């Protein structure tokens, strides 16, 4: 897998999800579970401005975690795959 492409995709997905969930919870006036994310993301809150802060944090952290996951995946697949050039 391409690490850069996977990192960008993971960052966009996580940032978008965090943005949308925060907007929904801010509109409903609840969101005690999402409020726990303020421990990891300083400045994040369940507000409309907090959704934008969450979008930025989500893109960055999603990209970093996605890149790490893809890199590890590629390393393990390469370690356990059959060596090239050998046929049965």
PDB file of N, CA and C in Angstrom:
ATOM      1  N   UNK A   1       0.837  -1.181   0.000  1.00  0.00           N
ATOM      2  CA  UNK A   1       0.000   0.000   0.000  1.00  0.00           C
ATOM      3  C   UNK A   1       0.878   1.240   0.000  1.00  0.00           C
ATOM      4  N   UNK A   2       0.355   2.288  -0.563  1.00  0.00           N
ATOM      5  CA  UNK A   2       1.058   3.555  -0.606  1.00  0.00           C
ATOM      6  C   UNK A   2       0.838   4.292   0.721  1.00  0.00           C
ATOM      7  N   UNK A   3       1.904   4.548   1.451  1.00  0.00           N
ATOM      8  CA  UNK A   3       1.807   5.141   2.786  1.00  0.00           C
ATOM      9  C   UNK A   3       1.245   6.556   2.720  1.00  0.00           C
ATOM     10  N   UNK A   4       1.712   7.353   1.769  1.00  0.00           N
ATOM     11  CA  UNK A   4       1.239   8.736   1.670  1.00  0.00           C
ATOM     12  C   UNK A   4      -0.249   8.798   1.342  1.00  0.00           C
ATOM     13  N   UNK A   5      -0.682   7.987   0.402  1.00  0.00           N
ATOM     14  CA  UNK A   5      -2.092   7.984   0.022  1.00  0.00           C
ATOM     15  C   UNK A   5      -2.973   7.523   1.176  1.00  0.00           C
ATOM     16  N   UNK A   6      -2.538   6.498   1.874  1.00  0.00           N
ATOM     17  CA  UNK A   6      -3.316   6.003   3.004  1.00  0.00           C
ATOM     18  C   UNK A   6      -3.364   7.036   4.126  1.00  0.00           C
ATOM     19  N   UNK A   7      -2.258   7.735   4.367  1.00  0.00           N
ATOM     20  CA  UNK A   7      -2.214   8.755   5.410  1.00  0.00           C
ATOM     21  C   UNK A   7      -3.162   9.898   5.080  1.00  0.00           C
ATOM     22  N   UNK A   8      -3.171  10.342   3.836  1.00  0.00           N
ATOM     23  CA  UNK A   8      -4.079  11.427   3.435  1.00  0.00           C
ATOM     24  C   UNK A   8      -5.531  10.979   3.577  1.00  0.00           C
ATOM     25  N   UNK A   9      -5.832   9.782   3.131  1.00  0.00           N
ATOM     26  CA  UNK A   9      -7.204   9.276   3.217  1.00  0.00           C
ATOM     27  C   UNK A   9      -7.647   9.136   4.672  1.00  0.00           C
ATOM     28  N   UNK A  10      -6.798   8.587   5.515  1.00  0.00           N
ATOM     29  CA  UNK A  10      -7.151   8.419   6.928  1.00  0.00           C
ATOM     30  C   UNK A  10      -7.330   9.766   7.603  1.00  0.00           C
ATOM     31  N   UNK A  11      -6.483  10.735   7.279  1.00  0.00           N
ATOM     32  CA  UNK A  11      -6.606  12.065   7.860  1.00  0.00           C
ATOM     33  C   UNK A  11      -7.901  12.748   7.453  1.00  0.00           C
ATOM     34  N   UNK A  12      -8.254  12.644   6.193  1.00  0.00           N
ATOM     35  CA  UNK A  12      -9.496  13.255   5.719  1.00  0.00           C
ATOM     36  C   UNK A  12     -10.702  12.597   6.368  1.00  0.00           C
ATOM     37  N   UNK A  13     -10.702  11.287   6.437  1.00  0.00           N
ATOM     38  CA  UNK A  13     -11.846  10.574   7.016  1.00  0.00           C
ATOM     39  C   UNK A  13     -11.997  10.900   8.501  1.00  0.00           C
ATOM     40  N   UNK A  14     -10.914  10.811   9.279  1.00  0.00           N
ATOM     41  CA  UNK A  14     -11.008  11.073  10.708  1.00  0.00           C
ATOM     42  C   UNK A  14     -11.355  12.541  10.977  1.00  0.00           C
ATOM     43  N   UNK A  15     -10.756  13.463  10.244  1.00  0.00           N
ATOM     44  CA  UNK A  15     -11.069  14.871  10.422  1.00  0.00           C
ATOM     45  C   UNK A  15     -12.525  15.178  10.101  1.00  0.00           C
ATOM     46  N   UNK A  16     -13.026  14.622   9.003  1.00  0.00           N
ATOM     47  CA  UNK A  16     -14.417  14.840   8.617  1.00  0.00           C
ATOM     48  C   UNK A  16     -15.379  14.248   9.642  1.00  0.00           C
ATOM     49  N   UNK A  17     -15.097  13.031  10.112  1.00  0.00           N
ATOM     50  CA  UNK A  17     -15.973  12.406  11.102  1.00  0.00           C
ATOM     51  C   UNK A  17     -16.004  13.197  12.408  1.00  0.00           C
ATOM     52  N   UNK A  18     -14.848  13.638  12.866  1.00  0.00           N
ATOM     53  CA  UNK A  18     -14.787  14.423  14.093  1.00  0.00           C
ATOM     54  C   UNK A  18     -15.530  15.746  13.920  1.00  0.00           C
ATOM     55  N   UNK A  19     -15.387  16.371  12.762  1.00  0.00           N
ATOM     56  CA  UNK A  19     -16.077  17.614  12.459  1.00  0.00           C
ATOM     57  C   UNK A  19     -17.598  17.424  12.493  1.00  0.00           C
ATOM     58  N   UNK A  20     -18.084  16.407  11.799  1.00  0.00           N
ATOM     59  CA  UNK A  20     -19.535  16.172  11.710  1.00  0.00           C
ATOM     60  C   UNK A  20     -20.109  15.770  13.061  1.00  0.00           C
ATOM     61  N   UNK A  21     -19.454  14.861  13.775  1.00  0.00           N
ATOM     62  CA  UNK A  21     -19.971  14.436  15.071  1.00  0.00           C
ATOM     63  C   UNK A  21     -20.000  15.589  16.069  1.00  0.00           C
ATOM     64  N   UNK A  22     -19.010  16.451  16.011  1.00  0.00           N
ATOM     65  CA  UNK A  22     -18.996  17.600  16.912  1.00  0.00           C
ATOM     66  C   UNK A  22     -20.111  18.569  16.565  1.00  0.00           C
ATOM     67  N   UNK A  23     -20.344  18.809  15.274  1.00  0.00           N
ATOM     68  CA  UNK A  23     -21.441  19.686  14.876  1.00  0.00           C
ATOM     69  C   UNK A  23     -22.794  19.133  15.330  1.00  0.00           C
ATOM     70  N   UNK A  24     -22.990  17.848  15.167  1.00  0.00           N
ATOM     71  CA  UNK A  24     -24.255  17.224  15.568  1.00  0.00           C
ATOM     72  C   UNK A  24     -24.447  17.338  17.077  1.00  0.00           C
ATOM     73  N   UNK A  25     -23.408  17.042  17.824  1.00  0.00           N
ATOM     74  CA  UNK A  25     -23.524  17.103  19.285  1.00  0.00           C
ATOM     75  C   UNK A  25     -23.672  18.544  19.772  1.00  0.00           C
ATOM     76  N   UNK A  26     -23.052  19.502  19.111  1.00  0.00           N
ATOM     77  CA  UNK A  26     -23.211  20.908  19.485  1.00  0.00           C
ATOM     78  C   UNK A  26     -24.639  21.366  19.208  1.00  0.00           C
ATOM     79  N   UNK A  27     -25.225  20.918  18.115  1.00  0.00           N
ATOM     80  CA  UNK A  27     -26.599  21.279  17.792  1.00  0.00           C
ATOM     81  C   UNK A  27     -27.589  20.651  18.773  1.00  0.00           C
ATOM     82  N   UNK A  28     -27.292  19.429  19.234  1.00  0.00           N
ATOM     83  CA  UNK A  28     -28.168  18.757  20.188  1.00  0.00           C
ATOM     84  C   UNK A  28     -27.979  19.270  21.599  1.00  0.00           C
ATOM     85  N   UNK A  29     -26.815  19.842  21.885  1.00  0.00           N
ATOM     86  CA  UNK A  29     -26.546  20.352  23.223  1.00  0.00           C
ATOM     87  C   UNK A  29     -26.015  19.309  24.185  1.00  0.00           C
ATOM     88  N   UNK A  30     -25.565  18.198  23.665  1.00  0.00           N
ATOM     89  CA  UNK A  30     -24.986  17.149  24.500  1.00  0.00           C
ATOM     90  C   UNK A  30     -23.601  16.823  23.978  1.00  0.00           C
ATOM     91  N   UNK A  31     -23.018  15.737  24.400  1.00  0.00           N
ATOM     92  CA  UNK A  31     -21.721  15.331  23.872  1.00  0.00           C
ATOM     93  C   UNK A  31     -20.694  15.102  24.949  1.00  0.00           C
ATOM     94  N   UNK A  32     -21.132  14.510  26.040  1.00  0.00           N
ATOM     95  CA  UNK A  32     -20.213  14.287  27.149  1.00  0.00           C
ATOM     96  C   UNK A  32     -19.100  13.310  26.774  1.00  0.00           C
ATOM     97  N   UNK A  33     -19.396  12.368  25.909  1.00  0.00           N
ATOM     98  CA  UNK A  33     -18.375  11.414  25.505  1.00  0.00           C
ATOM     99  C   UNK A  33     -17.324  12.084  24.625  1.00  0.00           C
ATOM    100  N   UNK A  34     -17.759  12.910  23.696  1.00  0.00           N
ATOM    101  CA  UNK A  34     -16.804  13.610  22.835  1.00  0.00           C
ATOM    102  C   UNK A  34     -15.979  14.631  23.611  1.00  0.00           C
ATOM    103  N   UNK A  35     -16.513  15.121  24.701  1.00  0.00           N
ATOM    104  CA  UNK A  35     -15.780  16.091  25.516  1.00  0.00           C
ATOM    105  C   UNK A  35     -14.484  15.491  26.058  1.00  0.00           C
ATOM    106  N   UNK A  36     -14.424  14.176  26.179  1.00  0.00           N
ATOM    107  CA  UNK A  36     -13.207  13.519  26.648  1.00  0.00           C
ATOM    108  C   UNK A  36     -12.043  13.695  25.675  1.00  0.00           C
ATOM    109  N   UNK A  37     -12.331  14.012  24.426  1.00  0.00           N
ATOM    110  CA  UNK A  37     -11.268  14.232  23.452  1.00  0.00           C
ATOM    111  C   UNK A  37     -10.458  15.489  23.745  1.00  0.00           C
ATOM    112  N   UNK A  38     -10.993  16.371  24.567  1.00  0.00           N
ATOM    113  CA  UNK A  38     -10.242  17.588  24.904  1.00  0.00           C
ATOM    114  C   UNK A  38      -8.978  17.259  25.695  1.00  0.00           C
ATOM    115  N   UNK A  39      -8.896  16.070  26.267  1.00  0.00           N
ATOM    116  CA  UNK A  39      -7.670  15.640  26.932  1.00  0.00           C
ATOM    117  C   UNK A  39      -6.547  15.473  25.906  1.00  0.00           C
ATOM    118  N   UNK A  40      -6.869  14.897  24.751  1.00  0.00           N
ATOM    119  CA  UNK A  40      -5.880  14.657  23.708  1.00  0.00           C
ATOM    120  C   UNK A  40      -5.716  15.841  22.773  1.00  0.00           C
ATOM    121  N   UNK A  41      -6.793  16.591  22.568  1.00  0.00           N
ATOM    122  CA  UNK A  41      -6.787  17.727  21.651  1.00  0.00           C
ATOM    123  C   UNK A  41      -7.033  19.020  22.435  1.00  0.00           C
ATOM    124  N   UNK A  42      -5.969  19.705  22.881  1.00  0.00           N
ATOM    125  CA  UNK A  42      -6.164  20.963  23.634  1.00  0.00           C
ATOM    126  C   UNK A  42      -6.895  22.000  22.783  1.00  0.00           C
ATOM    127  N   UNK A  43      -7.862  22.656  23.370  1.00  0.00           N
ATOM    128  CA  UNK A  43      -8.648  23.651  22.661  1.00  0.00           C
ATOM    129  C   UNK A  43      -9.915  23.104  22.044  1.00  0.00           C
ATOM    130  N   UNK A  44     -10.067  21.787  22.023  1.00  0.00           N
ATOM    131  CA  UNK A  44     -11.252  21.159  21.449  1.00  0.00           C
ATOM    132  C   UNK A  44     -12.399  21.223  22.443  1.00  0.00           C
ATOM    133  N   UNK A  45     -13.586  21.522  21.955  1.00  0.00           N
ATOM    134  CA  UNK A  45     -14.783  21.532  22.792  1.00  0.00           C
ATOM    135  C   UNK A  45     -15.983  21.220  21.905  1.00  0.00           C
ATOM    136  N   UNK A  46     -17.105  20.948  22.534  1.00  0.00           N
ATOM    137  CA  UNK A  46     -18.318  20.632  21.795  1.00  0.00           C
ATOM    138  C   UNK A  46     -19.038  21.943  21.473  1.00  0.00           C
ATOM    139  N   UNK A  47     -18.482  22.686  20.543  1.00  0.00           N
ATOM    140  CA  UNK A  47     -19.051  23.941  20.048  1.00  0.00           C
ATOM    141  C   UNK A  47     -18.844  23.974  18.537  1.00  0.00           C
ATOM    142  N   UNK A  48     -19.411  24.997  17.916  1.00  0.00           N
ATOM    143  CA  UNK A  48     -19.220  25.117  16.474  1.00  0.00           C
ATOM    144  C   UNK A  48     -17.773  25.449  16.141  1.00  0.00           C
ATOM    145  N   UNK A  49     -17.135  26.279  16.944  1.00  0.00           N
ATOM    146  CA  UNK A  49     -15.711  26.555  16.752  1.00  0.00           C
ATOM    147  C   UNK A  49     -14.877  25.318  17.072  1.00  0.00           C
ATOM    148  N   UNK A  50     -15.300  24.563  18.076  1.00  0.00           N
ATOM    149  CA  UNK A  50     -14.604  23.326  18.437  1.00  0.00           C
ATOM    150  C   UNK A  50     -14.634  22.299  17.322  1.00  0.00           C
ATOM    151  N   UNK A  51     -15.673  22.341  16.478  1.00  0.00           N
ATOM    152  CA  UNK A  51     -15.725  21.406  15.354  1.00  0.00           C
ATOM    153  C   UNK A  51     -14.627  21.709  14.344  1.00  0.00           C
ATOM    154  N   UNK A  52     -14.309  22.987  14.169  1.00  0.00           N
ATOM    155  CA  UNK A  52     -13.221  23.347  13.257  1.00  0.00           C
ATOM    156  C   UNK A  52     -11.871  22.952  13.862  1.00  0.00           C
ATOM    157  N   UNK A  53     -11.721  23.170  15.170  1.00  0.00           N
ATOM    158  CA  UNK A  53     -10.502  22.745  15.861  1.00  0.00           C
ATOM    159  C   UNK A  53     -10.365  21.232  15.754  1.00  0.00           C
ATOM    160  N   UNK A  54     -11.465  20.513  15.942  1.00  0.00           N
ATOM    161  CA  UNK A  54     -11.454  19.058  15.813  1.00  0.00           C
ATOM    162  C   UNK A  54     -11.127  18.603  14.404  1.00  0.00           C
ATOM    163  N   UNK A  55     -11.577  19.355  13.400  1.00  0.00           N
ATOM    164  CA  UNK A  55     -11.255  19.028  12.015  1.00  0.00           C
ATOM    165  C   UNK A  55      -9.748  19.076  11.788  1.00  0.00           C
ATOM    166  N   UNK A  56      -9.114  20.128  12.270  1.00  0.00           N
ATOM    167  CA  UNK A  56      -7.666  20.264  12.087  1.00  0.00           C
ATOM    168  C   UNK A  56      -6.924  19.162  12.844  1.00  0.00           C
ATOM    169  N   UNK A  57      -7.289  18.985  14.120  1.00  0.00           N
ATOM    170  CA  UNK A  57      -6.649  17.923  14.900  1.00  0.00           C
ATOM    171  C   UNK A  57      -6.906  16.552  14.276  1.00  0.00           C
ATOM    172  N   UNK A  58      -8.117  16.332  13.780  1.00  0.00           N
ATOM    173  CA  UNK A  58      -8.459  15.049  13.188  1.00  0.00           C
ATOM    174  C   UNK A  58      -7.667  14.752  11.933  1.00  0.00           C
ATOM    175  N   UNK A  59      -7.467  15.763  11.094  1.00  0.00           N
ATOM    176  CA  UNK A  59      -6.689  15.555   9.875  1.00  0.00           C
ATOM    177  C   UNK A  59      -5.249  15.193  10.225  1.00  0.00           C
ATOM    178  N   UNK A  60      -4.668  15.930  11.169  1.00  0.00           N
ATOM    179  CA  UNK A  60      -3.266  15.682  11.524  1.00  0.00           C
ATOM    180  C   UNK A  60      -3.102  14.334  12.212  1.00  0.00           C
ATOM    181  N   UNK A  61      -3.903  14.082  13.237  1.00  0.00           N
ATOM    182  CA  UNK A  61      -3.737  12.818  13.968  1.00  0.00           C
ATOM    183  C   UNK A  61      -4.155  11.619  13.129  1.00  0.00           C
ATOM    184  N   UNK A  62      -5.195  11.763  12.307  1.00  0.00           N
ATOM    185  CA  UNK A  62      -5.597  10.672  11.424  1.00  0.00           C
ATOM    186  C   UNK A  62      -4.527  10.336  10.409  1.00  0.00           C
ATOM    187  N   UNK A  63      -3.862  11.362   9.886  1.00  0.00           N
ATOM    188  CA  UNK A  63      -2.791  11.131   8.920  1.00  0.00           C
ATOM    189  C   UNK A  63      -1.601  10.440   9.579  1.00  0.00           C
ATOM    190  N   UNK A  64      -1.244  10.872  10.779  1.00  0.00           N
ATOM    191  CA  UNK A  64      -0.114  10.254  11.472  1.00  0.00           C
ATOM    192  C   UNK A  64      -0.397   8.795  11.828  1.00  0.00           C
ATOM    193  N   UNK A  65      -1.570   8.543  12.363  1.00  0.00           N
ATOM    194  CA  UNK A  65      -1.925   7.175  12.742  1.00  0.00           C
ATOM    195  C   UNK A  65      -2.095   6.303  11.493  1.00  0.00           C
ATOM    196  N   UNK A  66      -2.695   6.857  10.453  1.00  0.00           N
ATOM    197  CA  UNK A  66      -2.848   6.116   9.201  1.00  0.00           C
ATOM    198  C   UNK A  66      -1.513   5.766   8.574  1.00  0.00           C
ATOM    199  N   UNK A  67      -0.564   6.708   8.604  1.00  0.00           N
ATOM    200  CA  UNK A  67       0.760   6.440   8.045  1.00  0.00           C
ATOM    201  C   UNK A  67       1.482   5.365   8.850  1.00  0.00           C
ATOM    202  N   UNK A  68       1.381   5.442  10.170  1.00  0.00           N
ATOM    203  CA  UNK A  68       2.021   4.433  11.015  1.00  0.00           C
ATOM    204  C   UNK A  68       1.409   3.050  10.775  1.00  0.00           C
ATOM    205  N   UNK A  69       0.087   3.000  10.683  1.00  0.00           N
ATOM    206  CA  UNK A  69      -0.589   1.730  10.435  1.00  0.00           C
ATOM    207  C   UNK A  69      -0.178   1.149   9.089  1.00  0.00           C
ATOM    208  N   UNK A  70      -0.170   1.962   8.045  1.00  0.00           N
ATOM    209  CA  UNK A  70       0.180   1.484   6.712  1.00  0.00           C
ATOM    210  C   UNK A  70       1.638   1.050   6.650  1.00  0.00           C
ATOM    211  N   UNK A  71       2.525   1.791   7.282  1.00  0.00           N
ATOM    212  CA  UNK A  71       3.935   1.425   7.290  1.00  0.00           C
ATOM    213  C   UNK A  71       4.127   0.072   7.976  1.00  0.00           C
ATOM    214  N   UNK A  72       3.467  -0.102   9.135  1.00  0.00           N
ATOM    215  CA  UNK A  72       3.560  -1.382   9.839  1.00  0.00           C
ATOM    216  C   UNK A  72       2.973  -2.516   9.012  1.00  0.00           C
ATOM    217  N   UNK A  73       1.857  -2.255   8.373  1.00  0.00           N
ATOM    218  CA  UNK A  73       1.235  -3.263   7.519  1.00  0.00           C
ATOM    219  C   UNK A  73       2.189  -3.695   6.406  1.00  0.00           C
ATOM    220  N   UNK A  74       2.790  -2.723   5.750  1.00  0.00           N
ATOM    221  CA  UNK A  74       3.737  -3.039   4.675  1.00  0.00           C
ATOM    222  C   UNK A  74       4.942  -3.826   5.191  1.00  0.00           C
ATOM    223  N   UNK A  75       5.422  -3.486   6.369  1.00  0.00           N
ATOM    224  CA  UNK A  75       6.560  -4.208   6.943  1.00  0.00           C
ATOM    225  C   UNK A  75       6.206  -5.662   7.244  1.00  0.00           C
ATOM    226  N   UNK A  76       5.035  -5.903   7.840  1.00  0.00           N
ATOM    227  CA  UNK A  76       4.637  -7.263   8.186  1.00  0.00           C
ATOM    228  C   UNK A  76       4.286  -8.085   6.959  1.00  0.00           C
ATOM    229  N   UNK A  77       3.665  -7.489   5.980  1.00  0.00           N
ATOM    230  CA  UNK A  77       3.343  -8.224   4.762  1.00  0.00           C
ATOM    231  C   UNK A  77       4.626  -8.613   4.042  1.00  0.00           C
ATOM    232  N   UNK A  78       5.607  -7.712   4.014  1.00  0.00           N
ATOM    233  CA  UNK A  78       6.884  -8.016   3.378  1.00  0.00           C
ATOM    234  C   UNK A  78       7.650  -9.090   4.121  1.00  0.00           C
ATOM    235  N   UNK A  79       7.514  -9.138   5.430  1.00  0.00           N
ATOM    236  CA  UNK A  79       8.247 -10.124   6.226  1.00  0.00           C
ATOM    237  C   UNK A  79       7.671 -11.521   6.083  1.00  0.00           C
ATOM    238  N   UNK A  80       6.382 -11.625   5.841  1.00  0.00           N
ATOM    239  CA  UNK A  80       5.739 -12.929   5.804  1.00  0.00           C
ATOM    240  C   UNK A  80       5.361 -13.383   4.403  1.00  0.00           C
ATOM    241  N   UNK A  81       5.644 -12.575   3.386  1.00  0.00           N
ATOM    242  CA  UNK A  81       5.279 -12.980   2.039  1.00  0.00           C
ATOM    243  C   UNK A  81       6.367 -13.877   1.455  1.00  0.00           C
ATOM    244  N   UNK A  82       5.995 -14.580   0.408  1.00  0.00           N
ATOM    245  CA  UNK A  82       6.936 -15.487  -0.257  1.00  0.00           C
ATOM    246  C   UNK A  82       7.954 -14.649  -1.019  1.00  0.00           C
ATOM    247  N   UNK A  83       9.217 -15.003  -0.949  1.00  0.00           N
ATOM    248  CA  UNK A  83      10.238 -14.245  -1.682  1.00  0.00           C
ATOM    249  C   UNK A  83       9.970 -14.269  -3.184  1.00  0.00           C
ATOM    250  N   UNK A  84      10.265 -13.164  -3.841  1.00  0.00           N
ATOM    251  CA  UNK A  84      10.021 -13.057  -5.284  1.00  0.00           C
ATOM    252  C   UNK A  84      11.045 -13.894  -6.043  1.00  0.00           C
ATOM    253  N   UNK A  85      10.615 -14.390  -7.175  1.00  0.00           N
ATOM    254  CA  UNK A  85      11.513 -15.160  -8.007  1.00  0.00           C
ATOM    255  C   UNK A  85      11.421 -16.661  -7.794  1.00  0.00           C
ATOM    256  N   UNK A  86      10.720 -17.084  -6.763  1.00  0.00           N
ATOM    257  CA  UNK A  86      10.557 -18.510  -6.523  1.00  0.00           C
ATOM    258  C   UNK A  86       9.157 -18.922  -6.949  1.00  0.00           C
ATOM    259  N   UNK A  87       9.063 -19.925  -7.711  1.00  0.00           N
ATOM    260  CA  UNK A  87       7.752 -20.421  -8.124  1.00  0.00           C
ATOM    261  C   UNK A  87       7.636 -21.888  -7.723  1.00  0.00           C
ATOM    262  N   UNK A  88       6.407 -22.313  -7.570  1.00  0.00           N
ATOM    263  CA  UNK A  88       6.154 -23.681  -7.127  1.00  0.00           C
ATOM    264  C   UNK A  88       6.243 -24.669  -8.241  1.00  0.00           C
TER     265      UNK A  88
END
